[in-house]
N, C-alpha and C. Protein backbone atom coordinates (compact mmCIF):
# COMPACT_ATOMS: atom_id res chain seq x y z
N MET A 1 -32.19 -0.95 -1.23
CA MET A 1 -31.96 0.47 -1.37
C MET A 1 -30.73 0.67 -2.25
N THR A 2 -30.85 1.51 -3.26
CA THR A 2 -29.72 1.80 -4.15
C THR A 2 -29.14 3.15 -3.81
N PRO A 3 -27.84 3.31 -4.00
CA PRO A 3 -27.23 4.59 -3.67
C PRO A 3 -27.70 5.68 -4.62
N GLN A 4 -27.89 6.88 -4.08
CA GLN A 4 -28.36 8.01 -4.87
C GLN A 4 -27.21 8.87 -5.39
N LEU A 5 -26.05 8.76 -4.78
CA LEU A 5 -24.93 9.60 -5.15
C LEU A 5 -24.03 8.93 -6.18
N ALA A 6 -23.91 9.52 -7.32
CA ALA A 6 -22.93 9.18 -8.35
C ALA A 6 -22.71 7.69 -8.55
N PRO A 7 -23.70 6.96 -9.08
CA PRO A 7 -23.48 5.55 -9.36
C PRO A 7 -22.37 5.34 -10.38
N GLY A 8 -22.15 6.31 -11.27
CA GLY A 8 -21.05 6.22 -12.22
C GLY A 8 -19.71 6.23 -11.53
N ALA A 9 -19.60 7.07 -10.49
CA ALA A 9 -18.35 7.13 -9.73
C ALA A 9 -18.06 5.81 -9.03
N LEU A 10 -19.10 5.15 -8.55
CA LEU A 10 -18.91 3.85 -7.90
C LEU A 10 -18.43 2.81 -8.92
N ALA A 11 -19.00 2.84 -10.11
CA ALA A 11 -18.58 1.90 -11.14
C ALA A 11 -17.13 2.14 -11.53
N VAL A 12 -16.76 3.39 -11.67
CA VAL A 12 -15.37 3.73 -12.00
C VAL A 12 -14.46 3.30 -10.86
N SER A 13 -14.87 3.55 -9.62
CA SER A 13 -14.07 3.17 -8.46
C SER A 13 -13.81 1.67 -8.44
N ARG A 14 -14.84 0.91 -8.72
CA ARG A 14 -14.70 -0.56 -8.73
C ARG A 14 -13.68 -0.98 -9.78
N LYS A 15 -13.77 -0.40 -10.98
CA LYS A 15 -12.84 -0.75 -12.06
C LYS A 15 -11.41 -0.33 -11.72
N VAL A 16 -11.27 0.87 -11.18
CA VAL A 16 -9.94 1.35 -10.82
C VAL A 16 -9.33 0.48 -9.73
N LEU A 17 -10.13 0.11 -8.74
CA LEU A 17 -9.61 -0.74 -7.67
C LEU A 17 -9.22 -2.12 -8.18
N ARG A 18 -10.03 -2.69 -9.06
CA ARG A 18 -9.65 -3.98 -9.67
C ARG A 18 -8.32 -3.86 -10.42
N ALA A 19 -8.17 -2.78 -11.18
CA ALA A 19 -6.93 -2.57 -11.93
C ALA A 19 -5.74 -2.38 -10.98
N LEU A 20 -5.94 -1.61 -9.91
CA LEU A 20 -4.86 -1.40 -8.95
C LEU A 20 -4.46 -2.68 -8.23
N ILE A 21 -5.44 -3.51 -7.92
CA ILE A 21 -5.14 -4.80 -7.28
C ILE A 21 -4.31 -5.67 -8.21
N ALA A 22 -4.70 -5.71 -9.48
CA ALA A 22 -3.95 -6.50 -10.46
C ALA A 22 -2.54 -5.92 -10.65
N LEU A 23 -2.44 -4.60 -10.77
CA LEU A 23 -1.14 -3.96 -10.94
C LEU A 23 -0.24 -4.20 -9.74
N ASN A 24 -0.80 -4.13 -8.54
CA ASN A 24 -0.03 -4.40 -7.33
C ASN A 24 0.52 -5.82 -7.34
N PHE A 25 -0.30 -6.78 -7.75
CA PHE A 25 0.15 -8.17 -7.84
C PHE A 25 1.30 -8.29 -8.83
N VAL A 26 1.16 -7.68 -9.99
CA VAL A 26 2.20 -7.74 -11.01
C VAL A 26 3.49 -7.10 -10.50
N MET A 27 3.38 -5.95 -9.86
CA MET A 27 4.57 -5.27 -9.33
C MET A 27 5.27 -6.12 -8.27
N GLY A 28 4.50 -6.71 -7.37
CA GLY A 28 5.09 -7.58 -6.36
C GLY A 28 5.81 -8.77 -6.99
N LEU A 29 5.18 -9.35 -8.00
CA LEU A 29 5.77 -10.48 -8.72
C LEU A 29 7.05 -10.07 -9.44
N LEU A 30 7.03 -8.92 -10.10
CA LEU A 30 8.22 -8.44 -10.81
C LEU A 30 9.37 -8.16 -9.85
N ILE A 31 9.07 -7.59 -8.70
CA ILE A 31 10.12 -7.34 -7.71
C ILE A 31 10.70 -8.67 -7.22
N LEU A 32 9.83 -9.66 -7.01
CA LEU A 32 10.30 -10.98 -6.60
C LEU A 32 11.19 -11.59 -7.67
N VAL A 33 10.80 -11.47 -8.93
CA VAL A 33 11.62 -12.00 -10.03
C VAL A 33 12.98 -11.29 -10.05
N LEU A 34 12.98 -9.99 -9.87
CA LEU A 34 14.24 -9.24 -9.84
C LEU A 34 15.12 -9.69 -8.68
N LEU A 35 14.52 -9.91 -7.52
CA LEU A 35 15.29 -10.38 -6.37
C LEU A 35 15.90 -11.74 -6.64
N VAL A 36 15.11 -12.66 -7.15
CA VAL A 36 15.62 -14.00 -7.46
C VAL A 36 16.72 -13.91 -8.51
N ALA A 37 16.51 -13.10 -9.54
CA ALA A 37 17.52 -12.93 -10.58
C ALA A 37 18.81 -12.37 -10.00
N SER A 38 18.68 -11.45 -9.02
CA SER A 38 19.88 -10.87 -8.41
C SER A 38 20.66 -11.91 -7.60
N LEU A 39 19.96 -12.92 -7.13
CA LEU A 39 20.64 -13.99 -6.38
C LEU A 39 21.27 -15.02 -7.31
N VAL A 40 20.62 -15.25 -8.45
CA VAL A 40 21.08 -16.27 -9.40
C VAL A 40 22.14 -15.72 -10.35
N ALA A 41 21.95 -14.50 -10.81
CA ALA A 41 22.85 -13.91 -11.80
C ALA A 41 23.24 -12.50 -11.37
N LYS A 42 23.97 -12.42 -10.27
CA LYS A 42 24.30 -11.13 -9.66
C LYS A 42 24.99 -10.20 -10.64
N THR A 43 26.01 -10.67 -11.32
CA THR A 43 26.78 -9.80 -12.21
C THR A 43 25.92 -9.25 -13.33
N TRP A 44 25.11 -10.11 -13.94
CA TRP A 44 24.25 -9.67 -15.04
C TRP A 44 23.25 -8.62 -14.56
N VAL A 45 22.63 -8.85 -13.41
CA VAL A 45 21.63 -7.91 -12.89
C VAL A 45 22.30 -6.59 -12.52
N MET A 46 23.48 -6.67 -11.91
CA MET A 46 24.19 -5.44 -11.55
C MET A 46 24.50 -4.62 -12.79
N GLN A 47 24.95 -5.28 -13.84
CA GLN A 47 25.25 -4.58 -15.09
C GLN A 47 23.97 -4.00 -15.69
N ALA A 48 22.88 -4.77 -15.67
CA ALA A 48 21.61 -4.31 -16.23
C ALA A 48 21.09 -3.09 -15.47
N LEU A 49 21.34 -3.04 -14.17
CA LEU A 49 20.90 -1.91 -13.35
C LEU A 49 21.91 -0.76 -13.34
N GLY A 50 23.06 -0.97 -14.00
CA GLY A 50 24.06 0.08 -14.09
C GLY A 50 24.88 0.26 -12.83
N VAL A 51 25.02 -0.82 -12.05
CA VAL A 51 25.79 -0.77 -10.81
C VAL A 51 27.17 -1.36 -11.06
N PRO A 52 28.22 -0.56 -10.93
CA PRO A 52 29.57 -1.09 -11.13
C PRO A 52 29.91 -2.15 -10.08
N ASP A 53 30.61 -3.18 -10.49
CA ASP A 53 31.01 -4.26 -9.59
C ASP A 53 32.43 -3.99 -9.09
N ASP A 54 32.52 -3.05 -8.13
CA ASP A 54 33.82 -2.72 -7.57
C ASP A 54 33.67 -2.49 -6.06
N ALA A 55 34.79 -2.30 -5.40
CA ALA A 55 34.79 -2.16 -3.94
C ALA A 55 34.00 -0.94 -3.47
N GLU A 56 34.02 0.14 -4.26
CA GLU A 56 33.31 1.35 -3.85
C GLU A 56 31.80 1.12 -3.75
N HIS A 57 31.28 0.18 -4.53
CA HIS A 57 29.84 -0.06 -4.58
C HIS A 57 29.45 -1.38 -3.91
N ALA A 58 30.31 -1.90 -3.05
CA ALA A 58 30.08 -3.21 -2.42
C ALA A 58 28.78 -3.24 -1.60
N ALA A 59 28.44 -2.18 -0.92
CA ALA A 59 27.24 -2.16 -0.08
C ALA A 59 25.97 -1.86 -0.87
N LEU A 60 26.14 -1.35 -2.09
CA LEU A 60 24.98 -0.92 -2.87
C LEU A 60 24.06 -2.09 -3.22
N PHE A 61 24.63 -3.17 -3.69
CA PHE A 61 23.79 -4.27 -4.14
C PHE A 61 23.05 -4.97 -2.99
N PRO A 62 23.69 -5.27 -1.86
CA PRO A 62 22.91 -5.83 -0.73
C PRO A 62 21.81 -4.86 -0.27
N GLY A 63 22.08 -3.57 -0.30
CA GLY A 63 21.06 -2.59 0.05
C GLY A 63 19.90 -2.63 -0.93
N MET A 64 20.22 -2.77 -2.21
CA MET A 64 19.17 -2.86 -3.23
C MET A 64 18.33 -4.12 -3.03
N ARG A 65 18.99 -5.21 -2.67
CA ARG A 65 18.25 -6.46 -2.39
C ARG A 65 17.32 -6.28 -1.20
N LEU A 66 17.80 -5.62 -0.17
CA LEU A 66 16.97 -5.38 1.01
C LEU A 66 15.76 -4.51 0.65
N ILE A 67 15.98 -3.53 -0.20
CA ILE A 67 14.87 -2.70 -0.67
C ILE A 67 13.88 -3.56 -1.45
N MET A 68 14.37 -4.51 -2.25
CA MET A 68 13.48 -5.42 -2.98
C MET A 68 12.64 -6.25 -2.01
N VAL A 69 13.26 -6.72 -0.94
CA VAL A 69 12.52 -7.51 0.06
C VAL A 69 11.40 -6.66 0.65
N PHE A 70 11.71 -5.43 1.00
CA PHE A 70 10.66 -4.55 1.56
C PHE A 70 9.59 -4.24 0.51
N GLY A 71 9.99 -4.15 -0.75
CA GLY A 71 9.02 -3.96 -1.83
C GLY A 71 8.07 -5.14 -1.94
N ILE A 72 8.61 -6.35 -1.76
CA ILE A 72 7.78 -7.56 -1.78
C ILE A 72 6.84 -7.56 -0.58
N ILE A 73 7.32 -7.15 0.57
CA ILE A 73 6.49 -7.08 1.78
C ILE A 73 5.37 -6.06 1.59
N ALA A 74 5.64 -4.98 0.87
CA ALA A 74 4.64 -3.94 0.66
C ALA A 74 3.47 -4.43 -0.20
N ALA A 75 3.71 -5.39 -1.09
CA ALA A 75 2.65 -5.85 -1.99
C ALA A 75 1.45 -6.44 -1.25
N PRO A 76 1.62 -7.39 -0.31
CA PRO A 76 0.44 -7.89 0.40
C PRO A 76 -0.20 -6.86 1.33
N ILE A 77 0.59 -5.94 1.84
CA ILE A 77 0.02 -4.88 2.67
C ILE A 77 -0.87 -3.98 1.80
N THR A 78 -0.38 -3.65 0.62
CA THR A 78 -1.18 -2.85 -0.31
C THR A 78 -2.42 -3.60 -0.74
N HIS A 79 -2.27 -4.90 -0.98
CA HIS A 79 -3.43 -5.73 -1.35
C HIS A 79 -4.50 -5.70 -0.25
N ALA A 80 -4.06 -5.79 0.98
CA ALA A 80 -5.01 -5.75 2.10
C ALA A 80 -5.82 -4.46 2.07
N ALA A 81 -5.15 -3.34 1.85
CA ALA A 81 -5.86 -2.05 1.81
C ALA A 81 -6.79 -1.96 0.61
N LEU A 82 -6.29 -2.32 -0.57
CA LEU A 82 -7.10 -2.18 -1.78
C LEU A 82 -8.30 -3.12 -1.79
N SER A 83 -8.10 -4.35 -1.35
CA SER A 83 -9.21 -5.31 -1.38
C SER A 83 -10.29 -4.91 -0.37
N ARG A 84 -9.90 -4.39 0.76
CA ARG A 84 -10.90 -3.94 1.74
C ARG A 84 -11.63 -2.69 1.24
N LEU A 85 -10.91 -1.82 0.58
CA LEU A 85 -11.55 -0.64 0.01
C LEU A 85 -12.55 -1.05 -1.08
N ARG A 86 -12.18 -2.03 -1.87
CA ARG A 86 -13.11 -2.54 -2.90
C ARG A 86 -14.37 -3.10 -2.26
N THR A 87 -14.23 -3.82 -1.15
CA THR A 87 -15.38 -4.38 -0.45
C THR A 87 -16.25 -3.26 0.13
N ILE A 88 -15.63 -2.21 0.64
CA ILE A 88 -16.41 -1.07 1.14
C ILE A 88 -17.19 -0.43 0.00
N VAL A 89 -16.56 -0.28 -1.15
CA VAL A 89 -17.27 0.29 -2.31
C VAL A 89 -18.47 -0.59 -2.67
N GLU A 90 -18.33 -1.89 -2.54
CA GLU A 90 -19.45 -2.80 -2.83
C GLU A 90 -20.60 -2.59 -1.85
N THR A 91 -20.29 -2.35 -0.58
CA THR A 91 -21.37 -2.11 0.38
C THR A 91 -22.05 -0.78 0.12
N VAL A 92 -21.28 0.21 -0.33
CA VAL A 92 -21.88 1.50 -0.70
C VAL A 92 -22.79 1.29 -1.91
N ARG A 93 -22.32 0.52 -2.86
CA ARG A 93 -23.10 0.24 -4.07
C ARG A 93 -24.41 -0.48 -3.72
N ALA A 94 -24.34 -1.36 -2.72
CA ALA A 94 -25.53 -2.09 -2.28
C ALA A 94 -26.45 -1.22 -1.42
N GLY A 95 -25.97 -0.02 -1.05
CA GLY A 95 -26.80 0.89 -0.26
C GLY A 95 -26.73 0.65 1.23
N ASP A 96 -25.71 -0.08 1.68
CA ASP A 96 -25.61 -0.41 3.10
C ASP A 96 -24.17 -0.24 3.61
N PRO A 97 -23.64 0.99 3.60
CA PRO A 97 -22.24 1.16 4.00
C PRO A 97 -21.99 1.17 5.50
N PHE A 98 -23.00 1.51 6.30
CA PHE A 98 -22.77 1.62 7.74
C PHE A 98 -22.99 0.28 8.43
N VAL A 99 -22.05 -0.63 8.14
CA VAL A 99 -22.05 -1.94 8.79
C VAL A 99 -20.75 -2.05 9.58
N SER A 100 -20.79 -2.82 10.64
CA SER A 100 -19.61 -2.92 11.51
C SER A 100 -18.39 -3.48 10.77
N GLU A 101 -18.63 -4.30 9.76
CA GLU A 101 -17.52 -4.86 8.99
C GLU A 101 -16.73 -3.75 8.29
N ASN A 102 -17.42 -2.70 7.84
CA ASN A 102 -16.72 -1.59 7.19
C ASN A 102 -15.84 -0.83 8.17
N ALA A 103 -16.27 -0.73 9.41
CA ALA A 103 -15.43 -0.10 10.43
C ALA A 103 -14.14 -0.90 10.59
N SER A 104 -14.27 -2.21 10.64
CA SER A 104 -13.10 -3.07 10.74
C SER A 104 -12.22 -2.96 9.50
N ARG A 105 -12.86 -2.89 8.33
CA ARG A 105 -12.10 -2.75 7.08
C ARG A 105 -11.33 -1.43 7.06
N LEU A 106 -11.97 -0.36 7.49
CA LEU A 106 -11.29 0.94 7.53
C LEU A 106 -10.12 0.94 8.51
N THR A 107 -10.29 0.27 9.63
CA THR A 107 -9.18 0.17 10.58
C THR A 107 -8.01 -0.59 9.96
N THR A 108 -8.30 -1.67 9.25
CA THR A 108 -7.25 -2.44 8.58
C THR A 108 -6.56 -1.58 7.52
N ILE A 109 -7.34 -0.80 6.77
CA ILE A 109 -6.76 0.08 5.76
C ILE A 109 -5.85 1.11 6.43
N ALA A 110 -6.29 1.66 7.56
CA ALA A 110 -5.48 2.65 8.28
C ALA A 110 -4.15 2.05 8.71
N TRP A 111 -4.19 0.85 9.28
CA TRP A 111 -2.95 0.18 9.69
C TRP A 111 -2.06 -0.11 8.48
N ALA A 112 -2.67 -0.50 7.37
CA ALA A 112 -1.90 -0.80 6.16
C ALA A 112 -1.21 0.46 5.63
N VAL A 113 -1.95 1.57 5.59
CA VAL A 113 -1.36 2.82 5.11
C VAL A 113 -0.24 3.27 6.04
N LEU A 114 -0.44 3.12 7.34
CA LEU A 114 0.61 3.44 8.30
C LEU A 114 1.84 2.56 8.06
N ALA A 115 1.63 1.27 7.88
CA ALA A 115 2.75 0.34 7.63
C ALA A 115 3.48 0.71 6.34
N LEU A 116 2.74 1.05 5.31
CA LEU A 116 3.37 1.44 4.04
C LEU A 116 4.19 2.72 4.20
N GLU A 117 3.69 3.65 4.97
CA GLU A 117 4.45 4.89 5.19
C GLU A 117 5.73 4.59 5.98
N LEU A 118 5.64 3.72 6.98
CA LEU A 118 6.84 3.35 7.74
C LEU A 118 7.83 2.59 6.86
N LEU A 119 7.33 1.72 5.99
CA LEU A 119 8.20 1.02 5.02
C LEU A 119 8.91 2.03 4.13
N HIS A 120 8.18 3.06 3.72
CA HIS A 120 8.77 4.11 2.89
C HIS A 120 9.95 4.77 3.61
N VAL A 121 9.78 5.04 4.89
CA VAL A 121 10.86 5.65 5.68
C VAL A 121 12.06 4.70 5.74
N VAL A 122 11.81 3.42 6.00
CA VAL A 122 12.89 2.43 6.09
C VAL A 122 13.62 2.30 4.76
N ILE A 123 12.86 2.20 3.67
CA ILE A 123 13.47 2.05 2.35
C ILE A 123 14.32 3.27 2.01
N ALA A 124 13.82 4.45 2.30
CA ALA A 124 14.59 5.67 2.03
C ALA A 124 15.87 5.69 2.87
N GLY A 125 15.77 5.21 4.10
CA GLY A 125 16.96 5.14 4.95
C GLY A 125 18.00 4.18 4.41
N ILE A 126 17.54 3.04 3.93
CA ILE A 126 18.47 2.07 3.32
C ILE A 126 19.12 2.69 2.09
N ALA A 127 18.32 3.30 1.24
CA ALA A 127 18.85 3.91 0.01
C ALA A 127 19.90 4.97 0.35
N ARG A 128 19.59 5.77 1.34
CA ARG A 128 20.53 6.82 1.72
C ARG A 128 21.83 6.25 2.26
N SER A 129 21.72 5.16 3.01
CA SER A 129 22.92 4.60 3.64
C SER A 129 23.82 3.86 2.66
N VAL A 130 23.28 3.36 1.55
CA VAL A 130 24.12 2.60 0.61
C VAL A 130 24.45 3.38 -0.66
N SER A 131 23.84 4.52 -0.86
CA SER A 131 24.13 5.33 -2.05
C SER A 131 25.57 5.83 -2.02
N THR A 132 26.11 5.98 -3.21
CA THR A 132 27.45 6.56 -3.33
C THR A 132 27.32 7.82 -4.18
N ALA A 133 28.37 8.62 -4.18
CA ALA A 133 28.35 9.85 -4.97
C ALA A 133 28.24 9.54 -6.46
N THR A 134 28.86 8.46 -6.89
CA THR A 134 28.84 8.11 -8.31
C THR A 134 27.60 7.32 -8.71
N THR A 135 27.02 6.60 -7.76
CA THR A 135 25.82 5.80 -8.05
C THR A 135 24.80 6.00 -6.93
N PRO A 136 24.09 7.12 -6.96
CA PRO A 136 23.10 7.35 -5.92
C PRO A 136 21.81 6.57 -6.20
N LEU A 137 21.18 6.09 -5.15
CA LEU A 137 19.84 5.51 -5.30
C LEU A 137 18.86 6.66 -5.11
N ASP A 138 18.06 6.89 -6.10
CA ASP A 138 17.15 8.04 -6.08
C ASP A 138 15.85 7.67 -5.39
N ILE A 139 15.96 7.35 -4.11
CA ILE A 139 14.80 7.04 -3.28
C ILE A 139 14.90 7.93 -2.05
N THR A 140 13.96 8.83 -1.91
CA THR A 140 14.02 9.77 -0.79
C THR A 140 12.72 9.71 -0.01
N TRP A 141 12.75 10.30 1.16
CA TRP A 141 11.55 10.43 1.97
C TRP A 141 11.53 11.84 2.51
N ASP A 142 10.40 12.48 2.35
CA ASP A 142 10.18 13.79 2.92
C ASP A 142 8.92 13.71 3.77
N PHE A 143 8.92 14.38 4.88
CA PHE A 143 7.73 14.39 5.72
C PHE A 143 6.58 15.00 4.96
N SER A 144 5.45 14.32 4.98
CA SER A 144 4.25 14.82 4.31
C SER A 144 3.10 14.82 5.30
N VAL A 145 2.61 15.99 5.60
CA VAL A 145 1.46 16.11 6.49
C VAL A 145 0.28 15.35 5.90
N SER A 146 0.13 15.39 4.58
CA SER A 146 -1.01 14.75 3.92
C SER A 146 -1.06 13.25 4.19
N ARG A 147 0.08 12.57 4.07
CA ARG A 147 0.08 11.12 4.28
C ARG A 147 -0.24 10.76 5.72
N TRP A 148 0.34 11.50 6.67
CA TRP A 148 0.08 11.20 8.07
C TRP A 148 -1.33 11.61 8.46
N LEU A 149 -1.83 12.67 7.87
CA LEU A 149 -3.22 13.08 8.09
C LEU A 149 -4.18 12.02 7.55
N ALA A 150 -3.84 11.44 6.40
CA ALA A 150 -4.68 10.38 5.82
C ALA A 150 -4.78 9.19 6.78
N VAL A 151 -3.68 8.83 7.40
CA VAL A 151 -3.71 7.73 8.37
C VAL A 151 -4.64 8.07 9.53
N LEU A 152 -4.49 9.26 10.08
CA LEU A 152 -5.36 9.67 11.20
C LEU A 152 -6.82 9.70 10.77
N LEU A 153 -7.09 10.25 9.60
CA LEU A 153 -8.47 10.32 9.12
C LEU A 153 -9.07 8.93 8.93
N LEU A 154 -8.28 7.99 8.48
CA LEU A 154 -8.79 6.62 8.31
C LEU A 154 -9.17 6.01 9.66
N PHE A 155 -8.34 6.23 10.68
CA PHE A 155 -8.69 5.71 12.01
C PHE A 155 -9.96 6.39 12.53
N VAL A 156 -10.07 7.69 12.34
CA VAL A 156 -11.27 8.41 12.79
C VAL A 156 -12.49 7.95 12.01
N LEU A 157 -12.36 7.81 10.70
CA LEU A 157 -13.48 7.36 9.88
C LEU A 157 -13.93 5.95 10.28
N ALA A 158 -12.98 5.11 10.63
CA ALA A 158 -13.33 3.76 11.11
C ALA A 158 -14.19 3.86 12.35
N ARG A 159 -13.82 4.76 13.25
CA ARG A 159 -14.60 4.95 14.48
C ARG A 159 -15.99 5.51 14.16
N VAL A 160 -16.08 6.42 13.19
CA VAL A 160 -17.36 6.98 12.77
C VAL A 160 -18.25 5.86 12.23
N PHE A 161 -17.69 4.99 11.40
CA PHE A 161 -18.46 3.89 10.85
C PHE A 161 -18.90 2.92 11.94
N GLU A 162 -18.02 2.68 12.90
CA GLU A 162 -18.36 1.79 14.01
C GLU A 162 -19.53 2.37 14.82
N THR A 163 -19.44 3.66 15.11
CA THR A 163 -20.51 4.32 15.86
C THR A 163 -21.80 4.35 15.05
N GLY A 164 -21.70 4.65 13.76
CA GLY A 164 -22.88 4.67 12.89
C GLY A 164 -23.55 3.32 12.80
N ALA A 165 -22.77 2.26 12.70
CA ALA A 165 -23.34 0.92 12.64
C ALA A 165 -24.03 0.56 13.95
N ARG A 166 -23.40 0.94 15.07
CA ARG A 166 -23.98 0.65 16.38
C ARG A 166 -25.28 1.44 16.57
N MET A 167 -25.30 2.71 16.18
CA MET A 167 -26.50 3.53 16.30
C MET A 167 -27.62 2.97 15.42
N ARG A 168 -27.25 2.53 14.26
CA ARG A 168 -28.23 1.96 13.34
C ARG A 168 -28.85 0.68 13.93
N ALA A 169 -28.00 -0.15 14.51
CA ALA A 169 -28.48 -1.38 15.13
C ALA A 169 -29.41 -1.07 16.31
N ASP A 170 -29.02 -0.06 17.11
CA ASP A 170 -29.86 0.35 18.23
C ASP A 170 -31.20 0.86 17.75
N LEU A 171 -31.19 1.64 16.69
CA LEU A 171 -32.41 2.21 16.14
C LEU A 171 -33.32 1.11 15.59
N GLU A 172 -32.74 0.14 14.90
CA GLU A 172 -33.53 -0.96 14.36
C GLU A 172 -34.12 -1.82 15.47
N GLY A 173 -33.39 -1.88 16.61
CA GLY A 173 -33.89 -2.65 17.74
C GLY A 173 -35.05 -1.99 18.46
N THR A 174 -35.18 -0.67 18.33
CA THR A 174 -36.27 0.04 19.00
C THR A 174 -37.49 0.16 18.14
N VAL A 175 -37.37 -0.11 16.86
CA VAL A 175 -38.53 0.05 15.96
C VAL A 175 -39.35 -1.23 15.93
């Protein structure tokens, strides 16, 4: 069975997801390189980032390193969400989206999005605590109903897929 709805959109989705997965890998790698460089050549990296090396900014650089660590942690979490979404798109493309595996994939995506939002809160807190008046870190967090609603919707959608897969299995068993 082939999907009847927008096969072009599925093809575009697949390409976009592949590109996002690759971009996420590159970003995680670049953050790791920056972290290692900050440990090997602290003065050079501080100058390149425009951070003065004085007592007033002593907490700024360790805070920036901690933010880099959380950025590195975010990369595999993002990969988990994107790769599972790509697999769901493949099942839709194959015409069989209501499988129990997709319910599990959606649950994993929901947890990943929740984790990323919590990381965002932590990173913004670190930035706020180490910023100075002369060298502020421009990383903020504002409450967004949309992001938290997306997390809830993903958990609900996972349950819908789980129920749909179970109903489908029951129906196939009675035929």
